[in-house]
C-alpha cells in the first residue's frame, strides 16, 4: 500500500528517485535552461522602514517561499519545484542528495522550496480527519482505489500514480475534501 500523506510526499518521493521519473513521464521537468526554469517567478521589492532604517526580516522562516494551493495543477507544482532544483544545481547540490554535504547550497535555496497547502497539515487543519475521509471517497469515485490510513490516506496500488486521470482526480478531490466543497 502506498502512503500518500500529501502531495508533497509524492513529489518528494519522486524527486528522491530522480527527476528523471518526472521528465520521462512527461510530467514536467526543465530543459536545463535556467531562464526557462524561472518563468512565472515574481520579483519582490523591499521597501525601507519608516525613519530611514531597513525593514526587519520576517521571523517566519517560510516567508517568501512559493505556496502550493489545493487547486494547483501538476504543471504549476512542477514549475515551482523546477525553480528550487535549478537553484540547488546552481549552488552545487546534487539532485539525489537534497540534504547533500553542501549544506550552504541547500540553505541558500530554502526560500525557493515550495510549501504544501496548509489545509493538508493536520496540525493546522482541525477538520483534517473528516477531510481525509472525503478525499478517499472522492478518489475512489474517480477510479483511484484509495484508503484511509493512520497518517492520512494512501493508494491501494502504487501503480495508480500512473493512471491517466490521477493528476486531475488528485486536484479535484483535494479541492473538494480540504477546500470545504463537499
N, C-alpha and C. Protein backbone atom coordinates (compact mmCIF):
# COMPACT_ATOMS: atom_id res chain seq x y z
N UNK A 1 0.84 -1.17 0.00
CA UNK A 1 0.00 0.00 0.00
C UNK A 1 0.89 1.24 0.00
N UNK A 2 0.61 2.21 -0.81
CA UNK A 2 1.41 3.42 -0.93
C UNK A 2 0.84 4.50 -0.04
N UNK A 3 1.64 5.07 0.83
CA UNK A 3 1.20 6.14 1.71
C UNK A 3 1.27 7.46 0.96
N UNK A 4 0.19 8.19 0.95
CA UNK A 4 0.17 9.50 0.29
C UNK A 4 -0.30 10.53 1.29
N UNK A 5 0.53 10.80 2.28
CA UNK A 5 0.17 11.74 3.33
C UNK A 5 -0.25 13.07 2.74
N UNK A 6 0.43 13.52 1.73
CA UNK A 6 0.03 14.72 1.00
C UNK A 6 0.78 14.76 -0.32
N UNK A 7 0.45 15.72 -1.14
CA UNK A 7 1.02 15.82 -2.47
C UNK A 7 2.53 15.98 -2.42
N UNK A 8 3.04 16.68 -1.43
CA UNK A 8 4.48 16.89 -1.35
C UNK A 8 5.20 15.58 -1.12
N UNK A 9 4.58 14.68 -0.38
CA UNK A 9 5.19 13.38 -0.15
C UNK A 9 5.38 12.66 -1.47
N UNK A 10 4.40 12.78 -2.37
CA UNK A 10 4.51 12.15 -3.68
C UNK A 10 5.62 12.82 -4.47
N UNK A 11 5.62 14.15 -4.52
CA UNK A 11 6.63 14.86 -5.29
C UNK A 11 8.01 14.61 -4.72
N UNK A 12 8.12 14.63 -3.38
CA UNK A 12 9.41 14.40 -2.76
C UNK A 12 9.91 13.00 -3.04
N UNK A 13 9.01 12.01 -2.96
CA UNK A 13 9.45 10.64 -3.23
C UNK A 13 9.86 10.48 -4.68
N UNK A 14 9.16 11.15 -5.58
CA UNK A 14 9.57 11.09 -6.99
C UNK A 14 10.92 11.77 -7.18
N UNK A 15 11.13 12.88 -6.49
CA UNK A 15 12.39 13.59 -6.61
C UNK A 15 13.52 12.73 -6.04
N UNK A 16 13.22 11.99 -4.99
CA UNK A 16 14.25 11.16 -4.38
C UNK A 16 14.68 10.03 -5.31
N UNK A 17 13.77 9.56 -6.15
CA UNK A 17 14.14 8.52 -7.09
C UNK A 17 14.73 9.11 -8.36
N UNK A 18 14.76 10.41 -8.41
CA UNK A 18 15.38 11.11 -9.53
C UNK A 18 14.37 11.88 -10.33
N UNK A 19 14.75 13.06 -10.73
CA UNK A 19 13.86 13.88 -11.54
C UNK A 19 13.61 13.25 -12.90
N UNK A 20 14.38 12.21 -13.21
CA UNK A 20 14.19 11.50 -14.46
C UNK A 20 12.78 10.95 -14.56
N UNK A 21 12.21 10.52 -13.43
CA UNK A 21 10.87 9.95 -13.43
C UNK A 21 9.87 10.98 -13.95
N UNK A 22 9.94 12.20 -13.44
CA UNK A 22 9.02 13.24 -13.88
C UNK A 22 9.23 13.58 -15.36
N UNK A 23 10.49 13.68 -15.75
CA UNK A 23 10.78 14.03 -17.13
C UNK A 23 10.37 12.92 -18.08
N UNK A 24 10.68 11.69 -17.72
CA UNK A 24 10.37 10.56 -18.59
C UNK A 24 8.86 10.37 -18.75
N UNK A 25 8.10 10.72 -17.72
CA UNK A 25 6.65 10.57 -17.78
C UNK A 25 5.97 11.77 -18.41
N UNK A 26 6.74 12.77 -18.78
CA UNK A 26 6.15 13.96 -19.38
C UNK A 26 5.44 14.83 -18.37
N UNK A 27 5.72 14.64 -17.08
CA UNK A 27 5.04 15.39 -16.04
C UNK A 27 5.66 16.74 -15.78
N UNK A 28 6.62 17.13 -16.54
CA UNK A 28 7.25 18.43 -16.31
C UNK A 28 8.74 18.23 -16.33
N UNK A 29 9.42 19.03 -15.60
CA UNK A 29 10.87 18.96 -15.58
C UNK A 29 11.41 20.00 -16.54
N UNK A 30 12.55 20.47 -16.25
CA UNK A 30 13.10 21.56 -17.05
C UNK A 30 13.98 21.04 -18.15
N UNK A 31 14.31 21.95 -19.04
CA UNK A 31 15.20 21.62 -20.12
C UNK A 31 16.63 21.91 -19.74
N UNK A 32 16.82 22.40 -18.52
CA UNK A 32 18.16 22.76 -18.11
C UNK A 32 18.42 24.23 -18.31
N UNK A 33 17.57 24.92 -19.01
CA UNK A 33 17.73 26.34 -19.27
C UNK A 33 17.29 27.10 -18.03
N UNK A 34 18.23 27.76 -17.38
CA UNK A 34 17.92 28.44 -16.12
C UNK A 34 16.84 29.50 -16.29
N UNK A 35 16.84 30.24 -17.41
CA UNK A 35 15.81 31.26 -17.61
C UNK A 35 14.44 30.62 -17.74
N UNK A 36 14.34 29.50 -18.44
CA UNK A 36 13.04 28.84 -18.60
C UNK A 36 12.53 28.34 -17.26
N UNK A 37 13.42 27.81 -16.41
CA UNK A 37 13.02 27.29 -15.11
C UNK A 37 12.53 28.37 -14.18
N UNK A 38 12.86 29.59 -14.44
CA UNK A 38 12.47 30.67 -13.55
C UNK A 38 11.28 31.46 -14.07
N UNK A 39 10.66 31.02 -15.16
CA UNK A 39 9.48 31.71 -15.65
C UNK A 39 8.38 31.64 -14.62
N UNK A 40 7.62 32.70 -14.51
CA UNK A 40 6.50 32.71 -13.60
C UNK A 40 6.86 33.18 -12.20
N UNK A 41 8.16 33.38 -11.93
CA UNK A 41 8.54 33.89 -10.63
C UNK A 41 8.26 35.38 -10.59
N UNK A 42 7.97 35.88 -9.44
CA UNK A 42 7.69 37.30 -9.27
C UNK A 42 8.79 37.89 -8.43
N UNK A 43 9.36 38.98 -8.91
CA UNK A 43 10.39 39.66 -8.15
C UNK A 43 9.74 40.36 -6.97
N UNK A 44 10.46 40.41 -5.85
CA UNK A 44 9.92 41.12 -4.70
C UNK A 44 10.73 42.39 -4.49
N UNK A 45 10.07 43.37 -3.94
CA UNK A 45 10.71 44.65 -3.67
C UNK A 45 10.62 44.89 -2.18
N UNK A 46 11.75 45.20 -1.57
CA UNK A 46 11.77 45.52 -0.16
C UNK A 46 11.81 47.03 -0.02
N UNK A 47 10.88 47.55 0.75
CA UNK A 47 10.86 49.00 0.97
C UNK A 47 11.44 49.30 2.33
N UNK A 48 12.15 50.40 2.46
CA UNK A 48 12.74 50.73 3.75
C UNK A 48 11.64 51.02 4.78
N UNK A 49 11.95 50.73 6.03
CA UNK A 49 11.01 51.01 7.11
C UNK A 49 10.97 52.51 7.37
N UNK A 50 9.90 52.95 8.01
CA UNK A 50 9.76 54.37 8.34
C UNK A 50 10.95 54.79 9.19
N UNK A 51 11.40 55.99 8.99
CA UNK A 51 12.54 56.50 9.75
C UNK A 51 13.86 56.23 9.07
N UNK A 52 13.83 55.73 7.85
CA UNK A 52 15.05 55.55 7.08
C UNK A 52 15.80 54.26 7.36
N UNK A 53 15.39 53.49 8.37
CA UNK A 53 16.06 52.23 8.66
C UNK A 53 15.64 51.16 7.67
N UNK A 54 16.32 50.06 7.70
CA UNK A 54 15.93 48.98 6.79
C UNK A 54 14.84 48.14 7.44
N UNK A 55 14.05 47.48 6.60
CA UNK A 55 12.97 46.63 7.09
C UNK A 55 13.57 45.43 7.79
N UNK A 56 12.93 44.99 8.89
CA UNK A 56 13.41 43.82 9.61
C UNK A 56 12.96 42.57 8.87
N UNK A 57 13.81 41.56 8.79
CA UNK A 57 13.38 40.31 8.16
C UNK A 57 12.28 39.67 8.99
N UNK A 58 11.42 38.93 8.31
CA UNK A 58 10.31 38.26 8.97
C UNK A 58 10.83 37.16 9.89
N UNK A 59 10.16 36.97 11.02
CA UNK A 59 10.53 35.89 11.93
C UNK A 59 10.07 34.54 11.39
N UNK A 60 9.17 34.55 10.42
CA UNK A 60 8.66 33.33 9.83
C UNK A 60 9.68 32.77 8.84
N UNK A 61 10.24 31.59 9.11
CA UNK A 61 11.24 31.04 8.20
C UNK A 61 10.67 30.67 6.83
N UNK A 62 9.35 30.55 6.73
CA UNK A 62 8.73 30.20 5.46
C UNK A 62 8.28 31.42 4.65
N UNK A 63 8.45 32.61 5.20
CA UNK A 63 8.02 33.82 4.49
C UNK A 63 8.73 33.93 3.14
N UNK A 64 7.96 34.19 2.12
CA UNK A 64 8.51 34.36 0.78
C UNK A 64 8.63 33.08 -0.03
N UNK A 65 8.46 31.91 0.60
CA UNK A 65 8.56 30.66 -0.16
C UNK A 65 7.32 30.50 -1.03
N UNK A 66 7.46 29.86 -2.20
CA UNK A 66 6.29 29.62 -3.05
C UNK A 66 5.29 28.72 -2.34
N UNK A 67 4.01 29.06 -2.45
CA UNK A 67 2.95 28.33 -1.77
C UNK A 67 2.14 27.52 -2.76
N UNK A 68 2.11 26.21 -2.59
CA UNK A 68 1.25 25.35 -3.41
C UNK A 68 -0.16 25.50 -2.87
N UNK A 69 -1.12 25.67 -3.78
CA UNK A 69 -2.53 25.76 -3.40
C UNK A 69 -3.19 24.40 -3.64
N UNK A 70 -4.35 24.21 -3.02
CA UNK A 70 -5.08 22.96 -3.23
C UNK A 70 -5.41 22.75 -4.71
N UNK A 71 -5.67 23.85 -5.43
CA UNK A 71 -6.07 23.73 -6.83
C UNK A 71 -4.90 23.91 -7.80
N UNK A 72 -3.68 23.89 -7.29
CA UNK A 72 -2.52 23.99 -8.18
C UNK A 72 -2.46 22.77 -9.08
N UNK A 73 -2.19 23.00 -10.36
CA UNK A 73 -2.05 21.88 -11.29
C UNK A 73 -0.67 21.26 -11.11
N UNK A 74 -0.51 20.04 -11.61
CA UNK A 74 0.79 19.39 -11.51
C UNK A 74 1.85 20.19 -12.28
N UNK A 75 1.47 20.80 -13.40
CA UNK A 75 2.43 21.63 -14.14
C UNK A 75 2.89 22.82 -13.30
N UNK A 76 1.97 23.46 -12.58
CA UNK A 76 2.34 24.59 -11.71
C UNK A 76 3.28 24.12 -10.60
N UNK A 77 2.95 22.99 -10.01
CA UNK A 77 3.79 22.45 -8.95
C UNK A 77 5.17 22.09 -9.50
N UNK A 78 5.20 21.47 -10.67
CA UNK A 78 6.48 21.12 -11.29
C UNK A 78 7.33 22.36 -11.52
N UNK A 79 6.72 23.45 -11.98
CA UNK A 79 7.48 24.70 -12.21
C UNK A 79 8.07 25.22 -10.90
N UNK A 80 7.31 25.13 -9.81
CA UNK A 80 7.83 25.58 -8.51
C UNK A 80 9.03 24.73 -8.10
N UNK A 81 8.88 23.42 -8.25
CA UNK A 81 9.98 22.53 -7.89
C UNK A 81 11.16 22.67 -8.86
N UNK A 82 10.89 22.96 -10.13
CA UNK A 82 11.97 23.19 -11.10
C UNK A 82 12.83 24.38 -10.70
N UNK A 83 12.17 25.45 -10.22
CA UNK A 83 12.92 26.64 -9.78
C UNK A 83 13.80 26.30 -8.58
N UNK A 84 13.25 25.51 -7.67
CA UNK A 84 14.01 25.11 -6.48
C UNK A 84 15.19 24.22 -6.87
N UNK A 85 14.94 23.21 -7.71
CA UNK A 85 16.02 22.31 -8.09
C UNK A 85 17.07 23.01 -8.95
N UNK A 86 16.65 24.00 -9.75
CA UNK A 86 17.62 24.78 -10.52
C UNK A 86 18.54 25.56 -9.57
N UNK A 87 17.96 26.12 -8.52
CA UNK A 87 18.75 26.83 -7.51
C UNK A 87 19.74 25.88 -6.84
N UNK A 88 19.25 24.70 -6.46
CA UNK A 88 20.14 23.72 -5.83
C UNK A 88 21.30 23.37 -6.76
N UNK A 89 20.98 23.16 -8.02
CA UNK A 89 22.02 22.83 -9.00
C UNK A 89 23.02 23.98 -9.13
N UNK A 90 22.49 25.21 -9.20
CA UNK A 90 23.36 26.39 -9.30
C UNK A 90 24.29 26.54 -8.09
N UNK A 91 23.86 25.98 -6.96
CA UNK A 91 24.66 26.07 -5.74
C UNK A 91 25.43 24.78 -5.45
N UNK A 92 25.52 23.90 -6.44
CA UNK A 92 26.36 22.71 -6.33
C UNK A 92 25.76 21.56 -5.55
N UNK A 93 24.44 21.56 -5.37
CA UNK A 93 23.80 20.46 -4.66
C UNK A 93 23.39 19.41 -5.67
N UNK A 94 23.80 18.17 -5.44
CA UNK A 94 23.45 17.09 -6.35
C UNK A 94 21.97 16.77 -6.23
N UNK A 95 21.34 16.44 -7.36
CA UNK A 95 19.90 16.15 -7.39
C UNK A 95 19.49 15.07 -6.40
N UNK A 96 20.25 14.01 -6.32
CA UNK A 96 19.81 12.89 -5.49
C UNK A 96 20.08 13.11 -4.01
N UNK A 97 20.77 14.19 -3.67
CA UNK A 97 21.08 14.47 -2.27
C UNK A 97 20.60 15.86 -1.89
N UNK A 98 19.30 16.00 -1.67
CA UNK A 98 18.75 17.30 -1.32
C UNK A 98 19.25 17.77 0.04
N UNK A 99 19.73 16.86 0.85
CA UNK A 99 20.36 17.22 2.12
C UNK A 99 21.85 16.92 1.98
N UNK A 100 22.42 17.34 0.88
CA UNK A 100 23.78 16.98 0.50
C UNK A 100 24.82 17.52 1.46
N UNK A 101 26.05 17.12 1.24
CA UNK A 101 27.15 17.66 2.03
C UNK A 101 27.26 19.17 1.86
N UNK A 102 26.69 19.71 0.81
CA UNK A 102 26.75 21.15 0.56
C UNK A 102 25.58 21.84 1.28
N UNK A 103 25.66 21.90 2.60
CA UNK A 103 24.58 22.50 3.40
C UNK A 103 24.36 23.96 3.06
N UNK A 104 25.42 24.66 2.70
CA UNK A 104 25.27 26.07 2.35
C UNK A 104 24.41 26.23 1.11
N UNK A 105 24.55 25.33 0.15
CA UNK A 105 23.72 25.38 -1.06
C UNK A 105 22.27 25.11 -0.77
N UNK A 106 22.01 24.14 0.10
CA UNK A 106 20.63 23.83 0.50
C UNK A 106 20.03 25.03 1.21
N UNK A 107 20.79 25.62 2.12
CA UNK A 107 20.31 26.78 2.87
C UNK A 107 20.05 27.97 1.95
N UNK A 108 20.91 28.17 0.96
CA UNK A 108 20.75 29.29 0.04
C UNK A 108 19.47 29.17 -0.78
N UNK A 109 18.99 27.95 -1.00
CA UNK A 109 17.81 27.73 -1.83
C UNK A 109 16.55 27.50 -1.02
N UNK A 110 16.63 27.57 0.28
CA UNK A 110 15.47 27.31 1.16
C UNK A 110 14.28 28.19 0.79
N UNK A 111 14.52 29.41 0.40
CA UNK A 111 13.44 30.33 0.06
C UNK A 111 12.71 29.99 -1.22
N UNK A 112 13.23 29.05 -2.00
CA UNK A 112 12.57 28.64 -3.25
C UNK A 112 11.86 27.29 -3.12
N UNK A 113 12.05 26.61 -1.97
CA UNK A 113 11.40 25.31 -1.78
C UNK A 113 9.90 25.51 -1.55
N UNK A 114 9.07 24.89 -2.39
CA UNK A 114 7.62 25.08 -2.27
C UNK A 114 7.05 24.58 -0.94
N UNK A 115 6.04 25.29 -0.47
CA UNK A 115 5.30 24.91 0.74
C UNK A 115 4.04 24.17 0.34
N UNK A 116 3.70 23.13 1.08
CA UNK A 116 2.44 22.41 0.86
C UNK A 116 1.27 23.29 1.28
N UNK A 117 0.10 23.03 0.72
CA UNK A 117 -1.08 23.77 1.18
C UNK A 117 -1.29 23.55 2.68
N UNK A 118 -1.57 24.60 3.44
CA UNK A 118 -1.74 24.44 4.88
C UNK A 118 -2.91 23.53 5.24
N UNK A 119 -3.88 23.43 4.36
CA UNK A 119 -5.05 22.56 4.62
C UNK A 119 -4.65 21.10 4.72
N UNK A 120 -3.49 20.73 4.17
CA UNK A 120 -3.04 19.34 4.20
C UNK A 120 -2.18 19.02 5.43
N UNK A 121 -2.04 19.98 6.31
CA UNK A 121 -1.27 19.80 7.53
C UNK A 121 -2.23 19.53 8.69
N UNK A 122 -2.19 18.32 9.27
CA UNK A 122 -3.13 18.01 10.36
C UNK A 122 -3.01 18.97 11.54
N UNK A 123 -1.84 19.54 11.76
CA UNK A 123 -1.65 20.47 12.87
C UNK A 123 -2.34 21.81 12.62
N UNK A 124 -2.58 22.14 11.36
CA UNK A 124 -3.19 23.43 11.02
C UNK A 124 -4.65 23.29 10.62
N UNK A 125 -5.12 22.07 10.38
CA UNK A 125 -6.48 21.84 9.90
C UNK A 125 -7.25 21.02 10.92
N UNK A 126 -8.15 21.66 11.68
CA UNK A 126 -8.90 20.92 12.70
C UNK A 126 -9.85 19.87 12.12
N UNK A 127 -10.19 19.98 10.84
CA UNK A 127 -11.10 19.03 10.19
C UNK A 127 -10.35 17.99 9.36
N UNK A 128 -9.06 17.85 9.60
CA UNK A 128 -8.22 17.00 8.77
C UNK A 128 -8.75 15.58 8.64
N UNK A 129 -9.14 14.95 9.73
CA UNK A 129 -9.63 13.56 9.70
C UNK A 129 -10.85 13.41 8.81
N UNK A 130 -11.82 14.32 8.96
CA UNK A 130 -13.02 14.28 8.11
C UNK A 130 -12.65 14.55 6.66
N UNK A 131 -11.72 15.49 6.45
CA UNK A 131 -11.30 15.82 5.08
C UNK A 131 -10.63 14.64 4.39
N UNK A 132 -9.85 13.88 5.14
CA UNK A 132 -9.19 12.69 4.59
C UNK A 132 -10.23 11.68 4.11
N UNK A 133 -11.28 11.46 4.92
CA UNK A 133 -12.32 10.51 4.53
C UNK A 133 -13.04 10.98 3.25
N UNK A 134 -13.28 12.28 3.12
CA UNK A 134 -13.89 12.83 1.91
C UNK A 134 -12.95 12.64 0.72
N UNK A 135 -11.65 12.84 0.95
CA UNK A 135 -10.64 12.67 -0.10
C UNK A 135 -10.64 11.24 -0.62
N UNK A 136 -10.63 10.28 0.28
CA UNK A 136 -10.61 8.87 -0.11
C UNK A 136 -11.87 8.51 -0.89
N UNK A 137 -13.01 8.95 -0.42
CA UNK A 137 -14.27 8.67 -1.12
C UNK A 137 -14.23 9.26 -2.53
N UNK A 138 -13.76 10.48 -2.65
CA UNK A 138 -13.70 11.13 -3.96
C UNK A 138 -12.72 10.40 -4.90
N UNK A 139 -11.54 10.05 -4.39
CA UNK A 139 -10.57 9.34 -5.23
C UNK A 139 -11.13 8.02 -5.71
N UNK A 140 -11.81 7.29 -4.82
CA UNK A 140 -12.43 6.02 -5.21
C UNK A 140 -13.50 6.25 -6.28
N UNK A 141 -14.26 7.33 -6.16
CA UNK A 141 -15.28 7.65 -7.16
C UNK A 141 -14.65 7.96 -8.52
N UNK A 142 -13.39 8.39 -8.52
CA UNK A 142 -12.67 8.66 -9.76
C UNK A 142 -11.87 7.45 -10.24
N UNK A 143 -12.08 6.30 -9.60
CA UNK A 143 -11.41 5.08 -10.04
C UNK A 143 -10.00 4.90 -9.52
N UNK A 144 -9.58 5.75 -8.58
CA UNK A 144 -8.26 5.63 -7.97
C UNK A 144 -8.48 5.00 -6.59
N UNK A 145 -8.22 3.71 -6.47
CA UNK A 145 -8.50 2.96 -5.24
C UNK A 145 -7.64 3.48 -4.09
N UNK A 146 -8.31 4.11 -3.12
CA UNK A 146 -7.63 4.76 -2.00
C UNK A 146 -8.21 4.29 -0.68
N UNK A 147 -7.41 4.43 0.39
CA UNK A 147 -7.82 4.02 1.72
C UNK A 147 -7.40 5.06 2.74
N UNK A 148 -8.15 5.12 3.86
CA UNK A 148 -7.76 5.95 4.99
C UNK A 148 -6.67 5.19 5.74
N UNK A 149 -5.63 5.93 6.11
CA UNK A 149 -4.52 5.34 6.87
C UNK A 149 -4.32 6.17 8.13
N UNK A 150 -3.55 5.66 9.05
CA UNK A 150 -3.32 6.35 10.31
C UNK A 150 -2.77 7.76 10.08
N UNK A 151 -1.87 7.91 9.14
CA UNK A 151 -1.23 9.20 8.91
C UNK A 151 -1.85 10.00 7.77
N UNK A 152 -3.00 9.61 7.29
CA UNK A 152 -3.66 10.34 6.20
C UNK A 152 -4.41 9.39 5.29
N UNK A 153 -3.99 9.36 4.05
CA UNK A 153 -4.62 8.47 3.09
C UNK A 153 -3.55 7.88 2.19
N UNK A 154 -3.90 6.80 1.52
CA UNK A 154 -2.94 6.15 0.64
C UNK A 154 -3.64 5.43 -0.49
N UNK A 155 -2.85 4.97 -1.43
CA UNK A 155 -3.36 4.21 -2.57
C UNK A 155 -3.27 2.73 -2.26
N UNK A 156 -4.26 1.98 -2.68
CA UNK A 156 -4.20 0.52 -2.53
C UNK A 156 -3.10 -0.04 -3.41
N UNK A 157 -2.86 0.60 -4.55
CA UNK A 157 -1.87 0.13 -5.51
C UNK A 157 -1.07 1.32 -6.02
N UNK A 158 0.22 1.31 -5.81
CA UNK A 158 1.08 2.41 -6.26
C UNK A 158 1.02 2.66 -7.75
N UNK A 159 0.62 1.65 -8.52
CA UNK A 159 0.54 1.82 -9.97
C UNK A 159 -0.51 2.86 -10.36
N UNK A 160 -1.46 3.14 -9.46
CA UNK A 160 -2.48 4.15 -9.76
C UNK A 160 -1.88 5.55 -9.91
N UNK A 161 -0.64 5.75 -9.43
CA UNK A 161 0.03 7.04 -9.66
C UNK A 161 0.18 7.31 -11.15
N UNK A 162 0.22 6.26 -11.95
CA UNK A 162 0.38 6.39 -13.40
C UNK A 162 -0.94 6.38 -14.15
N UNK A 163 -2.05 6.31 -13.41
CA UNK A 163 -3.36 6.32 -14.07
C UNK A 163 -3.52 7.62 -14.85
N UNK A 164 -4.11 7.56 -16.04
CA UNK A 164 -4.22 8.76 -16.87
C UNK A 164 -5.00 9.89 -16.21
N UNK A 165 -5.90 9.57 -15.30
CA UNK A 165 -6.69 10.63 -14.66
C UNK A 165 -6.21 10.94 -13.24
N UNK A 166 -5.05 10.43 -12.83
CA UNK A 166 -4.60 10.60 -11.45
C UNK A 166 -4.43 12.08 -11.07
N UNK A 167 -3.69 12.84 -11.86
CA UNK A 167 -3.43 14.24 -11.52
C UNK A 167 -4.72 15.04 -11.41
N UNK A 168 -5.61 14.84 -12.37
CA UNK A 168 -6.89 15.55 -12.36
C UNK A 168 -7.72 15.14 -11.14
N UNK A 169 -7.77 13.85 -10.85
CA UNK A 169 -8.54 13.37 -9.69
C UNK A 169 -7.95 13.92 -8.40
N UNK A 170 -6.64 13.92 -8.29
CA UNK A 170 -5.98 14.42 -7.09
C UNK A 170 -6.34 15.88 -6.84
N UNK A 171 -6.21 16.70 -7.86
CA UNK A 171 -6.53 18.13 -7.71
C UNK A 171 -8.01 18.33 -7.39
N UNK A 172 -8.89 17.68 -8.15
CA UNK A 172 -10.33 17.80 -7.93
C UNK A 172 -10.71 17.37 -6.51
N UNK A 173 -10.18 16.24 -6.08
CA UNK A 173 -10.54 15.70 -4.77
C UNK A 173 -9.95 16.52 -3.63
N UNK A 174 -8.75 17.03 -3.79
CA UNK A 174 -8.16 17.88 -2.75
C UNK A 174 -8.99 19.13 -2.54
N UNK A 175 -9.40 19.75 -3.64
CA UNK A 175 -10.23 20.95 -3.52
C UNK A 175 -11.55 20.61 -2.85
N UNK A 176 -12.15 19.49 -3.26
CA UNK A 176 -13.44 19.08 -2.69
C UNK A 176 -13.29 18.74 -1.20
N UNK A 177 -12.30 17.96 -0.86
CA UNK A 177 -12.16 17.48 0.51
C UNK A 177 -11.60 18.52 1.47
N UNK A 178 -10.51 19.14 1.11
CA UNK A 178 -9.82 20.04 2.03
C UNK A 178 -10.23 21.50 1.84
N UNK A 179 -10.90 21.79 0.72
CA UNK A 179 -11.32 23.16 0.47
C UNK A 179 -12.74 23.45 0.96
N UNK A 180 -13.39 22.43 1.53
CA UNK A 180 -14.72 22.64 2.09
C UNK A 180 -15.84 22.53 1.09
N UNK A 181 -15.58 22.04 -0.13
CA UNK A 181 -16.62 21.92 -1.16
C UNK A 181 -17.14 20.49 -1.19
N UNK A 182 -17.83 20.07 -0.14
CA UNK A 182 -18.33 18.69 -0.09
C UNK A 182 -19.36 18.43 -1.14
